[in-house]
C-alpha cells in the first residue's frame, strides 16, 4: 500500500474570513458531521459536503440559511462548488430558492456539465429533486438596511469601489430601496471544507450567499475552479474573502501548486495571504498528504480534525 493510501482521515472547515471566533462551535459541529460521514463509509467529497451542509443550516454564516440578502432587500443569490481528486467537479452560481446550494453543486457534478447559473440552475435544482425554499433571515434584512444607509453616506462600503456606482448601475427589478441609519453591513464570507479520506483522496466543498454590496447577478470566486477552490492528487484548498481580488490570483490553485511542489502547507497558506494588501479580507484552508491548516488576515472561525 502506498504512503498516500495509508493516510488517515483529515478535515478542515472554515466559516469565512471575518467570521467571529465565537462561532467556531459551528465549525466544530461541521467537522463532526464530516468525520461521522466518513466513519459511515462516505468518501472525501461526501464528507466535505456533509460538513458544509451543517454550516449552511447554522444560520450564523453567510451561506444557506444565514445568507445575506441583495441590495433590494429581497433577493438571495447563492454560489457553491465541489471538487475532488477523482475528477468530480460541480458548481452553481446565482442560484435562488434552495435550502442547501452545496447539494445542488454536488448534483451538478453528476450531470453533463460542471457549472450551472441563474434560472437554469434553479430549474435544474427542481428536476434534481430539491424543493423551492424561500427564507430571508431577519438579521439579513436588518444588515441590508444598514448597508444601504452606508451607501448613501461618504464611507466606502467596499474597498476601492465608489458607493455611487451601485446606484448608477442598479440592475434589480425594483427601485432603489429606502434605508435606516446604522453601522457597516458589508459581507464577503464563504464557508468551506477540505477533506482527505482514508484512501488518500482529497475533496473540497464551499458555499456562499454572495457579497454585499453587490449588483444583481454578481459572481465571486466561490464557484470558479482554481480561484475559490481546488482539489487534486496532492491536496485540497478553499479560499474566502473578496472574490473580485481572489480570482485575479487564481488563489486556490496557486496555493495547491506550491504544496504540490513540496512547500510546507503553512508556508503555502501564508504566501497566499501575502499576495493581498491588508485592507482586503482573505482566508485559506488546505489539506495535503501529511498536513492540514488554515490562515487568514482577519479573524476566521475554523476547526479541524485528523486521525
C-alpha atoms as a PDB file:
ATOM      1  CA  UNK A   1       0.000   0.000   0.000  1.00  0.00           C
ATOM      2  CA  UNK A   2       1.343   3.439  -0.926  1.00  0.00           C
ATOM      3  CA  UNK A   3       2.055   6.116   1.643  1.00  0.00           C
ATOM      4  CA  UNK A   4      -0.881   8.155   0.346  1.00  0.00           C
ATOM      5  CA  UNK A   5      -3.312   5.249   0.702  1.00  0.00           C
ATOM      6  CA  UNK A   6      -2.156   4.617   4.256  1.00  0.00           C
ATOM      7  CA  UNK A   7      -3.051   8.133   5.439  1.00  0.00           C
ATOM      8  CA  UNK A   8      -5.972   8.614   7.800  1.00  0.00           C
ATOM      9  CA  UNK A   9      -8.973  10.891   7.578  1.00  0.00           C
ATOM     10  CA  UNK A  10      -8.470  14.638   7.925  1.00  0.00           C
ATOM     11  CA  UNK A  11     -10.783  17.641   7.622  1.00  0.00           C
ATOM     12  CA  UNK A  12     -10.513  21.427   7.948  1.00  0.00           C
ATOM     13  CA  UNK A  13     -13.577  23.693   7.994  1.00  0.00           C
ATOM     14  CA  UNK A  14     -13.905  27.492   7.970  1.00  0.00           C
ATOM     15  CA  UNK A  15     -16.804  29.896   8.474  1.00  0.00           C
ATOM     16  CA  UNK A  16     -15.460  32.756   6.361  1.00  0.00           C
ATOM     17  CA  UNK A  17     -12.856  35.500   6.615  1.00  0.00           C
ATOM     18  CA  UNK A  18     -14.185  37.801   9.297  1.00  0.00           C
ATOM     19  CA  UNK A  19     -16.457  35.170  10.870  1.00  0.00           C
ATOM     20  CA  UNK A  20     -16.333  35.742  14.654  1.00  0.00           C
ATOM     21  CA  UNK A  21     -14.191  33.304  16.586  1.00  0.00           C
ATOM     22  CA  UNK A  22     -17.113  32.680  18.938  1.00  0.00           C
ATOM     23  CA  UNK A  23     -18.862  30.964  16.004  1.00  0.00           C
ATOM     24  CA  UNK A  24     -16.150  28.297  15.935  1.00  0.00           C
ATOM     25  CA  UNK A  25     -18.573  25.887  17.612  1.00  0.00           C
ATOM     26  CA  UNK A  26     -20.480  25.846  14.318  1.00  0.00           C
ATOM     27  CA  UNK A  27     -17.301  24.832  12.530  1.00  0.00           C
ATOM     28  CA  UNK A  28     -16.678  22.144  15.160  1.00  0.00           C
ATOM     29  CA  UNK A  29     -20.163  20.747  14.506  1.00  0.00           C
ATOM     30  CA  UNK A  30     -19.384  20.697  10.789  1.00  0.00           C
ATOM     31  CA  UNK A  31     -16.133  18.821  11.428  1.00  0.00           C
ATOM     32  CA  UNK A  32     -18.035  16.241  13.480  1.00  0.00           C
ATOM     33  CA  UNK A  33     -20.556  15.802  10.670  1.00  0.00           C
ATOM     34  CA  UNK A  34     -17.818  15.269   8.102  1.00  0.00           C
ATOM     35  CA  UNK A  35     -15.976  12.826  10.338  1.00  0.00           C
ATOM     36  CA  UNK A  36     -19.190  10.941  11.110  1.00  0.00           C
ATOM     37  CA  UNK A  37     -19.971  10.661   7.400  1.00  0.00           C
ATOM     38  CA  UNK A  38     -16.511   9.196   6.779  1.00  0.00           C
ATOM     39  CA  UNK A  39     -16.969   6.694   9.603  1.00  0.00           C
ATOM     40  CA  UNK A  40     -20.195   5.598   7.913  1.00  0.00           C
ATOM     41  CA  UNK A  41     -18.383   4.942   4.638  1.00  0.00           C
ATOM     42  CA  UNK A  42     -18.514   8.317   2.852  1.00  0.00           C
ATOM     43  CA  UNK A  43     -15.651   9.256   0.562  1.00  0.00           C
ATOM     44  CA  UNK A  44     -13.807  12.588   0.755  1.00  0.00           C
ATOM     45  CA  UNK A  45     -16.320  14.510  -1.367  1.00  0.00           C
ATOM     46  CA  UNK A  46     -19.350  13.219   0.519  1.00  0.00           C
ATOM     47  CA  UNK A  47     -17.689  14.080   3.845  1.00  0.00           C
ATOM     48  CA  UNK A  48     -16.850  17.617   2.685  1.00  0.00           C
ATOM     49  CA  UNK A  49     -20.429  18.169   1.520  1.00  0.00           C
ATOM     50  CA  UNK A  50     -21.809  16.844   4.823  1.00  0.00           C
ATOM     51  CA  UNK A  51     -19.675  19.386   6.686  1.00  0.00           C
ATOM     52  CA  UNK A  52     -20.763  22.312   4.511  1.00  0.00           C
ATOM     53  CA  UNK A  53     -24.455  21.387   4.857  1.00  0.00           C
ATOM     54  CA  UNK A  54     -24.085  21.893   8.619  1.00  0.00           C
ATOM     55  CA  UNK A  55     -22.634  25.361   8.040  1.00  0.00           C
ATOM     56  CA  UNK A  56     -25.414  26.228   5.571  1.00  0.00           C
ATOM     57  CA  UNK A  57     -28.033  25.200   8.128  1.00  0.00           C
ATOM     58  CA  UNK A  58     -26.389  27.026  11.041  1.00  0.00           C
ATOM     59  CA  UNK A  59     -27.809  30.498  10.319  1.00  0.00           C
ATOM     60  CA  UNK A  60     -24.768  32.418  11.565  1.00  0.00           C
ATOM     61  CA  UNK A  61     -22.679  32.089   8.421  1.00  0.00           C
ATOM     62  CA  UNK A  62     -23.120  33.724   5.017  1.00  0.00           C
ATOM     63  CA  UNK A  63     -24.353  30.556   3.319  1.00  0.00           C
ATOM     64  CA  UNK A  64     -27.662  28.712   3.094  1.00  0.00           C
ATOM     65  CA  UNK A  65     -29.999  29.768   5.898  1.00  0.00           C
ATOM     66  CA  UNK A  66     -27.725  32.610   7.020  1.00  0.00           C
ATOM     67  CA  UNK A  67     -27.064  34.094   3.571  1.00  0.00           C
ATOM     68  CA  UNK A  68     -27.058  37.838   3.068  1.00  0.00           C
ATOM     69  CA  UNK A  69     -29.854  39.467   1.108  1.00  0.00           C
ATOM     70  CA  UNK A  70     -29.286  41.573  -2.012  1.00  0.00           C
ATOM     71  CA  UNK A  71     -29.481  45.346  -2.084  1.00  0.00           C
ATOM     72  CA  UNK A  72     -33.170  45.156  -2.986  1.00  0.00           C
ATOM     73  CA  UNK A  73     -33.850  43.613   0.421  1.00  0.00           C
ATOM     74  CA  UNK A  74     -35.484  40.531  -1.104  1.00  0.00           C
ATOM     75  CA  UNK A  75     -33.177  38.586  -3.429  1.00  0.00           C
ATOM     76  CA  UNK A  76     -30.692  35.954  -2.286  1.00  0.00           C
ATOM     77  CA  UNK A  77     -28.259  34.510  -4.819  1.00  0.00           C
ATOM     78  CA  UNK A  78     -26.149  31.515  -3.835  1.00  0.00           C
ATOM     79  CA  UNK A  79     -22.857  30.232  -5.225  1.00  0.00           C
ATOM     80  CA  UNK A  80     -21.452  26.810  -4.304  1.00  0.00           C
ATOM     81  CA  UNK A  81     -18.957  24.281  -5.610  1.00  0.00           C
ATOM     82  CA  UNK A  82     -17.492  20.824  -5.052  1.00  0.00           C
ATOM     83  CA  UNK A  83     -14.400  19.108  -6.452  1.00  0.00           C
ATOM     84  CA  UNK A  84     -12.349  16.018  -5.688  1.00  0.00           C
ATOM     85  CA  UNK A  85      -9.117  14.385  -6.776  1.00  0.00           C
ATOM     86  CA  UNK A  86     -11.046  11.735  -8.732  1.00  0.00           C
ATOM     87  CA  UNK A  87     -12.204  14.337 -11.256  1.00  0.00           C
ATOM     88  CA  UNK A  88     -15.660  15.143  -9.914  1.00  0.00           C
ATOM     89  CA  UNK A  89     -16.471  18.838 -10.301  1.00  0.00           C
ATOM     90  CA  UNK A  90     -19.729  20.755  -9.939  1.00  0.00           C
ATOM     91  CA  UNK A  91     -20.751  24.335  -9.233  1.00  0.00           C
ATOM     92  CA  UNK A  92     -23.722  26.697  -9.210  1.00  0.00           C
ATOM     93  CA  UNK A  93     -23.791  30.473  -9.492  1.00  0.00           C
ATOM     94  CA  UNK A  94     -26.596  32.973  -8.834  1.00  0.00           C
ATOM     95  CA  UNK A  95     -28.814  30.120  -7.699  1.00  0.00           C
ATOM     96  CA  UNK A  96     -32.031  31.139  -5.917  1.00  0.00           C
ATOM     97  CA  UNK A  97     -34.667  29.478  -3.742  1.00  0.00           C
ATOM     98  CA  UNK A  98     -32.898  26.407  -2.403  1.00  0.00           C
ATOM     99  CA  UNK A  99     -32.060  25.359   1.138  1.00  0.00           C
ATOM    100  CA  UNK A 100     -28.638  23.785   0.571  1.00  0.00           C
ATOM    101  CA  UNK A 101     -26.791  25.097  -2.509  1.00  0.00           C
ATOM    102  CA  UNK A 102     -23.838  22.761  -1.927  1.00  0.00           C
ATOM    103  CA  UNK A 103     -26.123  19.757  -2.503  1.00  0.00           C
ATOM    104  CA  UNK A 104     -27.166  21.227  -5.846  1.00  0.00           C
ATOM    105  CA  UNK A 105     -23.499  21.740  -6.764  1.00  0.00           C
ATOM    106  CA  UNK A 106     -22.891  18.093  -5.886  1.00  0.00           C
ATOM    107  CA  UNK A 107     -25.789  17.112  -8.155  1.00  0.00           C
ATOM    108  CA  UNK A 108     -24.274  19.193 -10.974  1.00  0.00           C
ATOM    109  CA  UNK A 109     -21.076  17.149 -10.589  1.00  0.00           C
ATOM    110  CA  UNK A 110     -23.137  14.131 -11.672  1.00  0.00           C
ATOM    111  CA  UNK A 111     -24.562  15.974 -14.715  1.00  0.00           C
ATOM    112  CA  UNK A 112     -23.017  16.529 -18.173  1.00  0.00           C
ATOM    113  CA  UNK A 113     -21.831  19.992 -17.034  1.00  0.00           C
ATOM    114  CA  UNK A 114     -19.602  21.478 -14.344  1.00  0.00           C
ATOM    115  CA  UNK A 115     -21.322  24.854 -13.801  1.00  0.00           C
ATOM    116  CA  UNK A 116     -24.952  25.965 -13.986  1.00  0.00           C
ATOM    117  CA  UNK A 117     -26.135  29.510 -13.300  1.00  0.00           C
ATOM    118  CA  UNK A 118     -29.216  31.595 -12.652  1.00  0.00           C
ATOM    119  CA  UNK A 119     -32.626  30.395 -13.794  1.00  0.00           C
ATOM    120  CA  UNK A 120     -31.144  27.276 -15.389  1.00  0.00           C
ATOM    121  CA  UNK A 121     -29.505  26.312 -12.112  1.00  0.00           C
ATOM    122  CA  UNK A 122     -32.779  26.756 -10.248  1.00  0.00           C
ATOM    123  CA  UNK A 123     -34.703  24.703 -12.799  1.00  0.00           C
ATOM    124  CA  UNK A 124     -32.021  22.013 -12.550  1.00  0.00           C
ATOM    125  CA  UNK A 125     -32.433  22.002  -8.766  1.00  0.00           C
ATOM    126  CA  UNK A 126     -36.158  21.284  -9.122  1.00  0.00           C
ATOM    127  CA  UNK A 127     -35.544  18.493 -11.657  1.00  0.00           C
ATOM    128  CA  UNK A 128     -32.903  17.030  -9.326  1.00  0.00           C
ATOM    129  CA  UNK A 129     -35.442  16.863  -6.501  1.00  0.00           C
ATOM    130  CA  UNK A 130     -34.638  19.952  -4.425  1.00  0.00           C
ATOM    131  CA  UNK A 131     -37.864  21.767  -3.442  1.00  0.00           C
ATOM    132  CA  UNK A 132     -38.313  25.523  -3.636  1.00  0.00           C
ATOM    133  CA  UNK A 133     -37.155  27.172  -0.439  1.00  0.00           C
ATOM    134  CA  UNK A 134     -37.649  30.862   0.352  1.00  0.00           C
ATOM    135  CA  UNK A 135     -36.226  32.124   3.616  1.00  0.00           C
ATOM    136  CA  UNK A 136     -34.728  35.527   4.336  1.00  0.00           C
ATOM    137  CA  UNK A 137     -33.242  35.723   7.810  1.00  0.00           C
ATOM    138  CA  UNK A 138     -34.321  38.792   9.820  1.00  0.00           C
ATOM    139  CA  UNK A 139     -30.660  39.504  10.507  1.00  0.00           C
ATOM    140  CA  UNK A 140     -30.022  39.697   6.765  1.00  0.00           C
ATOM    141  CA  UNK A 141     -32.842  42.220   6.288  1.00  0.00           C
ATOM    142  CA  UNK A 142     -31.516  44.476   9.051  1.00  0.00           C
ATOM    143  CA  UNK A 143     -27.973  44.210   7.709  1.00  0.00           C
ATOM    144  CA  UNK A 144     -29.211  45.181   4.249  1.00  0.00           C
ATOM    145  CA  UNK A 145     -30.872  48.312   5.613  1.00  0.00           C
ATOM    146  CA  UNK A 146     -27.679  49.322   7.367  1.00  0.00           C
ATOM    147  CA  UNK A 147     -25.690  48.723   4.196  1.00  0.00           C
ATOM    148  CA  UNK A 148     -27.998  50.849   2.027  1.00  0.00           C
ATOM    149  CA  UNK A 149     -27.671  53.632   4.619  1.00  0.00           C
ATOM    150  CA  UNK A 150     -23.906  53.357   4.346  1.00  0.00           C
ATOM    151  CA  UNK A 151     -24.057  53.516   0.543  1.00  0.00           C
ATOM    152  CA  UNK A 152     -25.853  56.849   0.908  1.00  0.00           C
ATOM    153  CA  UNK A 153     -23.006  58.160   3.050  1.00  0.00           C
ATOM    154  CA  UNK A 154     -19.392  59.006   2.402  1.00  0.00           C
ATOM    155  CA  UNK A 155     -17.675  55.930   3.824  1.00  0.00           C
ATOM    156  CA  UNK A 156     -16.930  53.343   1.101  1.00  0.00           C
ATOM    157  CA  UNK A 157     -18.980  50.185   1.616  1.00  0.00           C
ATOM    158  CA  UNK A 158     -16.421  48.177  -0.370  1.00  0.00           C
ATOM    159  CA  UNK A 159     -12.714  48.866  -0.601  1.00  0.00           C
ATOM    160  CA  UNK A 160     -11.792  50.665  -3.806  1.00  0.00           C
ATOM    161  CA  UNK A 161     -15.368  50.992  -5.100  1.00  0.00           C
ATOM    162  CA  UNK A 162     -17.340  54.232  -5.362  1.00  0.00           C
ATOM    163  CA  UNK A 163     -20.617  53.957  -3.425  1.00  0.00           C
ATOM    164  CA  UNK A 164     -22.444  55.888  -6.137  1.00  0.00           C
ATOM    165  CA  UNK A 165     -21.645  53.164  -8.701  1.00  0.00           C
ATOM    166  CA  UNK A 166     -24.201  50.843  -7.099  1.00  0.00           C
ATOM    167  CA  UNK A 167     -26.985  53.410  -7.562  1.00  0.00           C
ATOM    168  CA  UNK A 168     -25.794  54.383 -11.058  1.00  0.00           C
ATOM    169  CA  UNK A 169     -25.580  50.752 -12.248  1.00  0.00           C
ATOM    170  CA  UNK A 170     -28.609  49.495 -10.290  1.00  0.00           C
ATOM    171  CA  UNK A 171     -29.966  46.402 -12.123  1.00  0.00           C
ATOM    172  CA  UNK A 172     -32.538  44.955  -9.725  1.00  0.00           C
ATOM    173  CA  UNK A 173     -36.166  44.881 -10.990  1.00  0.00           C
ATOM    174  CA  UNK A 174     -37.267  47.098  -8.088  1.00  0.00           C
ATOM    175  CA  UNK A 175     -36.476  50.733  -7.317  1.00  0.00           C
ATOM    176  CA  UNK A 176     -33.531  51.785  -5.161  1.00  0.00           C
ATOM    177  CA  UNK A 177     -34.618  50.887  -1.586  1.00  0.00           C
ATOM    178  CA  UNK A 178     -35.150  53.078   1.417  1.00  0.00           C
ATOM    179  CA  UNK A 179     -32.780  52.908   4.356  1.00  0.00           C
ATOM    180  CA  UNK A 180     -32.344  53.184   8.075  1.00  0.00           C
ATOM    181  CA  UNK A 181     -29.324  54.672   9.840  1.00  0.00           C
ATOM    182  CA  UNK A 182     -26.843  52.186  11.221  1.00  0.00           C
ATOM    183  CA  UNK A 183     -23.361  50.726  11.060  1.00  0.00           C
ATOM    184  CA  UNK A 184     -21.421  48.805   8.463  1.00  0.00           C
ATOM    185  CA  UNK A 185     -23.147  45.758   6.985  1.00  0.00           C
ATOM    186  CA  UNK A 186     -20.771  44.574   4.274  1.00  0.00           C
ATOM    187  CA  UNK A 187     -20.015  40.877   3.905  1.00  0.00           C
ATOM    188  CA  UNK A 188     -17.884  38.687   1.662  1.00  0.00           C
ATOM    189  CA  UNK A 189     -17.868  35.415   3.564  1.00  0.00           C
ATOM    190  CA  UNK A 190     -17.745  31.891   2.188  1.00  0.00           C
ATOM    191  CA  UNK A 191     -17.937  28.645   4.148  1.00  0.00           C
ATOM    192  CA  UNK A 192     -15.846  25.688   3.125  1.00  0.00           C
ATOM    193  CA  UNK A 193     -14.395  22.290   3.950  1.00  0.00           C
ATOM    194  CA  UNK A 194     -11.379  20.364   2.694  1.00  0.00           C
ATOM    195  CA  UNK A 195     -11.084  16.629   3.320  1.00  0.00           C
ATOM    196  CA  UNK A 196      -8.590  13.792   2.976  1.00  0.00           C
ATOM    197  CA  UNK A 197     -10.166  10.374   3.299  1.00  0.00           C
ATOM    198  CA  UNK A 198      -8.599   7.111   4.420  1.00  0.00           C
ATOM    199  CA  UNK A 199      -7.807   6.136   0.817  1.00  0.00           C
ATOM    200  CA  UNK A 200      -5.746   9.261   0.223  1.00  0.00           C
ATOM    201  CA  UNK A 201      -8.421  11.009  -1.863  1.00  0.00           C
ATOM    202  CA  UNK A 202      -8.974  14.746  -1.493  1.00  0.00           C
ATOM    203  CA  UNK A 203     -12.064  16.920  -1.831  1.00  0.00           C
ATOM    204  CA  UNK A 204     -13.298  20.458  -1.280  1.00  0.00           C
ATOM    205  CA  UNK A 205     -16.790  21.916  -0.896  1.00  0.00           C
ATOM    206  CA  UNK A 206     -17.741  25.557  -0.452  1.00  0.00           C
ATOM    207  CA  UNK A 207     -20.860  27.730  -0.339  1.00  0.00           C
ATOM    208  CA  UNK A 208     -21.740  31.410  -0.050  1.00  0.00           C
ATOM    209  CA  UNK A 209     -24.629  33.827  -0.045  1.00  0.00           C
ATOM    210  CA  UNK A 210     -22.527  36.270  -2.032  1.00  0.00           C
ATOM    211  CA  UNK A 211     -21.049  39.667  -1.264  1.00  0.00           C
ATOM    212  CA  UNK A 212     -22.510  42.892  -0.003  1.00  0.00           C
ATOM    213  CA  UNK A 213     -22.897  45.348  -1.538  1.00  0.00           C
ATOM    214  CA  UNK A 214     -23.288  43.835  -4.992  1.00  0.00           C
ATOM    215  CA  UNK A 215     -25.336  44.194  -8.148  1.00  0.00           C
ATOM    216  CA  UNK A 216     -27.810  41.524  -9.210  1.00  0.00           C
ATOM    217  CA  UNK A 217     -26.040  38.580 -10.834  1.00  0.00           C
ATOM    218  CA  UNK A 218     -22.681  39.181  -9.175  1.00  0.00           C
ATOM    219  CA  UNK A 219     -20.442  36.094  -9.092  1.00  0.00           C
ATOM    220  CA  UNK A 220     -17.342  35.954  -6.930  1.00  0.00           C
ATOM    221  CA  UNK A 221     -14.622  33.361  -6.531  1.00  0.00           C
ATOM    222  CA  UNK A 222     -16.646  30.619  -4.816  1.00  0.00           C
ATOM    223  CA  UNK A 223     -17.883  28.760  -7.942  1.00  0.00           C
ATOM    224  CA  UNK A 224     -14.752  29.447 -10.024  1.00  0.00           C
ATOM    225  CA  UNK A 225     -12.415  26.458 -10.155  1.00  0.00           C
ATOM    226  CA  UNK A 226      -8.873  27.399  -9.189  1.00  0.00           C
ATOM    227  CA  UNK A 227      -9.971  30.644  -7.556  1.00  0.00           C
ATOM    228  CA  UNK A 228     -12.283  29.778  -4.660  1.00  0.00           C
ATOM    229  CA  UNK A 229     -11.436  26.083  -4.569  1.00  0.00           C
ATOM    230  CA  UNK A 230      -9.208  23.354  -5.964  1.00  0.00           C
ATOM    231  CA  UNK A 231      -8.578  19.671  -5.310  1.00  0.00           C
ATOM    232  CA  UNK A 232      -6.016  17.364  -6.854  1.00  0.00           C
ATOM    233  CA  UNK A 233      -3.935  14.270  -6.052  1.00  0.00           C
ATOM    234  CA  UNK A 234      -1.737  16.214  -3.600  1.00  0.00           C
ATOM    235  CA  UNK A 235      -4.388  18.034  -1.590  1.00  0.00           C
ATOM    236  CA  UNK A 236      -7.345  20.422  -1.484  1.00  0.00           C
ATOM    237  CA  UNK A 237      -7.622  24.177  -0.917  1.00  0.00           C
ATOM    238  CA  UNK A 238     -10.532  26.560  -0.243  1.00  0.00           C
ATOM    239  CA  UNK A 239     -10.458  30.362  -0.157  1.00  0.00           C
ATOM    240  CA  UNK A 240     -12.679  33.013   1.401  1.00  0.00           C
ATOM    241  CA  UNK A 241     -12.696  36.790   1.172  1.00  0.00           C
ATOM    242  CA  UNK A 242     -13.239  39.409  -1.519  1.00  0.00           C
ATOM    243  CA  UNK A 243     -13.829  37.368  -4.667  1.00  0.00           C
ATOM    244  CA  UNK A 244     -13.014  40.191  -7.081  1.00  0.00           C
ATOM    245  CA  UNK A 245      -9.451  40.102  -5.743  1.00  0.00           C
ATOM    246  CA  UNK A 246      -9.144  36.347  -5.174  1.00  0.00           C
ATOM    247  CA  UNK A 247      -9.921  35.483  -8.813  1.00  0.00           C
ATOM    248  CA  UNK A 248      -7.123  37.713 -10.052  1.00  0.00           C
ATOM    249  CA  UNK A 249      -4.603  35.444  -8.350  1.00  0.00           C
ATOM    250  CA  UNK A 250      -6.286  32.077  -9.031  1.00  0.00           C
ATOM    251  CA  UNK A 251      -5.595  31.781  -5.342  1.00  0.00           C
ATOM    252  CA  UNK A 252      -6.617  28.219  -4.514  1.00  0.00           C
ATOM    253  CA  UNK A 253      -4.775  26.751  -7.489  1.00  0.00           C
ATOM    254  CA  UNK A 254      -1.680  28.846  -6.732  1.00  0.00           C
ATOM    255  CA  UNK A 255      -1.588  27.517  -3.169  1.00  0.00           C
ATOM    256  CA  UNK A 256      -2.210  23.972  -4.411  1.00  0.00           C
ATOM    257  CA  UNK A 257       0.714  24.247  -6.817  1.00  0.00           C
ATOM    258  CA  UNK A 258       3.063  25.376  -4.056  1.00  0.00           C
ATOM    259  CA  UNK A 259       2.010  22.406  -1.931  1.00  0.00           C
ATOM    260  CA  UNK A 260       2.419  20.110  -4.943  1.00  0.00           C
ATOM    261  CA  UNK A 261       5.947  21.436  -5.425  1.00  0.00           C
ATOM    262  CA  UNK A 262       6.855  20.481  -1.853  1.00  0.00           C
ATOM    263  CA  UNK A 263       6.374  23.746   0.030  1.00  0.00           C
ATOM    264  CA  UNK A 264       5.229  23.198   3.647  1.00  0.00           C
ATOM    265  CA  UNK A 265       1.476  23.711   3.810  1.00  0.00           C
ATOM    266  CA  UNK A 266       1.510  26.529   6.349  1.00  0.00           C
ATOM    267  CA  UNK A 267       4.130  28.385   4.335  1.00  0.00           C
ATOM    268  CA  UNK A 268       1.993  27.996   1.205  1.00  0.00           C
ATOM    269  CA  UNK A 269      -1.030  29.418   3.039  1.00  0.00           C
ATOM    270  CA  UNK A 270       0.960  32.374   4.349  1.00  0.00           C
ATOM    271  CA  UNK A 271       2.380  33.055   0.892  1.00  0.00           C
ATOM    272  CA  UNK A 272      -1.169  33.090  -0.468  1.00  0.00           C
ATOM    273  CA  UNK A 273      -2.355  35.580   2.152  1.00  0.00           C
ATOM    274  CA  UNK A 274       0.690  37.780   1.495  1.00  0.00           C
ATOM    275  CA  UNK A 275      -0.470  38.306  -2.089  1.00  0.00           C
ATOM    276  CA  UNK A 276      -3.113  40.730  -0.777  1.00  0.00           C
ATOM    277  CA  UNK A 277      -2.892  44.150   0.869  1.00  0.00           C
ATOM    278  CA  UNK A 278      -4.016  44.268   4.480  1.00  0.00           C
ATOM    279  CA  UNK A 279      -7.283  46.042   3.652  1.00  0.00           C
ATOM    280  CA  UNK A 280      -8.530  43.088   1.574  1.00  0.00           C
ATOM    281  CA  UNK A 281     -10.192  40.310   3.610  1.00  0.00           C
ATOM    282  CA  UNK A 282      -8.851  36.891   2.677  1.00  0.00           C
ATOM    283  CA  UNK A 283      -8.590  33.461   4.283  1.00  0.00           C
ATOM    284  CA  UNK A 284      -7.476  29.966   3.269  1.00  0.00           C
ATOM    285  CA  UNK A 285      -7.761  26.380   4.435  1.00  0.00           C
ATOM    286  CA  UNK A 286      -5.883  23.433   2.962  1.00  0.00           C
ATOM    287  CA  UNK A 287      -5.092  19.778   3.491  1.00  0.00           C
ATOM    288  CA  UNK A 288      -2.324  17.668   1.966  1.00  0.00           C
ATOM    289  CA  UNK A 289      -0.978  14.147   2.261  1.00  0.00           C
ATOM    290  CA  UNK A 290       0.716  14.987   5.566  1.00  0.00           C
ATOM    291  CA  UNK A 291      -0.547  18.372   6.791  1.00  0.00           C
ATOM    292  CA  UNK A 292      -3.657  20.464   7.359  1.00  0.00           C
ATOM    293  CA  UNK A 293      -4.154  24.089   8.348  1.00  0.00           C
ATOM    294  CA  UNK A 294      -5.776  27.488   7.971  1.00  0.00           C
ATOM    295  CA  UNK A 295      -4.628  31.093   7.641  1.00  0.00           C
ATOM    296  CA  UNK A 296      -6.400  34.451   7.383  1.00  0.00           C
ATOM    297  CA  UNK A 297      -5.626  38.141   7.696  1.00  0.00           C
ATOM    298  CA  UNK A 298      -8.876  38.519   9.666  1.00  0.00           C
ATOM    299  CA  UNK A 299     -10.471  36.591  12.488  1.00  0.00           C
ATOM    300  CA  UNK A 300     -11.831  33.407  10.919  1.00  0.00           C
ATOM    301  CA  UNK A 301     -13.851  30.758  12.707  1.00  0.00           C
ATOM    302  CA  UNK A 302     -12.336  27.387  11.798  1.00  0.00           C
ATOM    303  CA  UNK A 303     -11.930  23.852  13.084  1.00  0.00           C
ATOM    304  CA  UNK A 304     -10.046  20.703  12.059  1.00  0.00           C
ATOM    305  CA  UNK A 305      -9.606  17.052  12.892  1.00  0.00           C
ATOM    306  CA  UNK A 306      -7.116  14.395  11.828  1.00  0.00           C
ATOM    307  CA  UNK A 307      -6.635  10.789  12.760  1.00  0.00           C
END
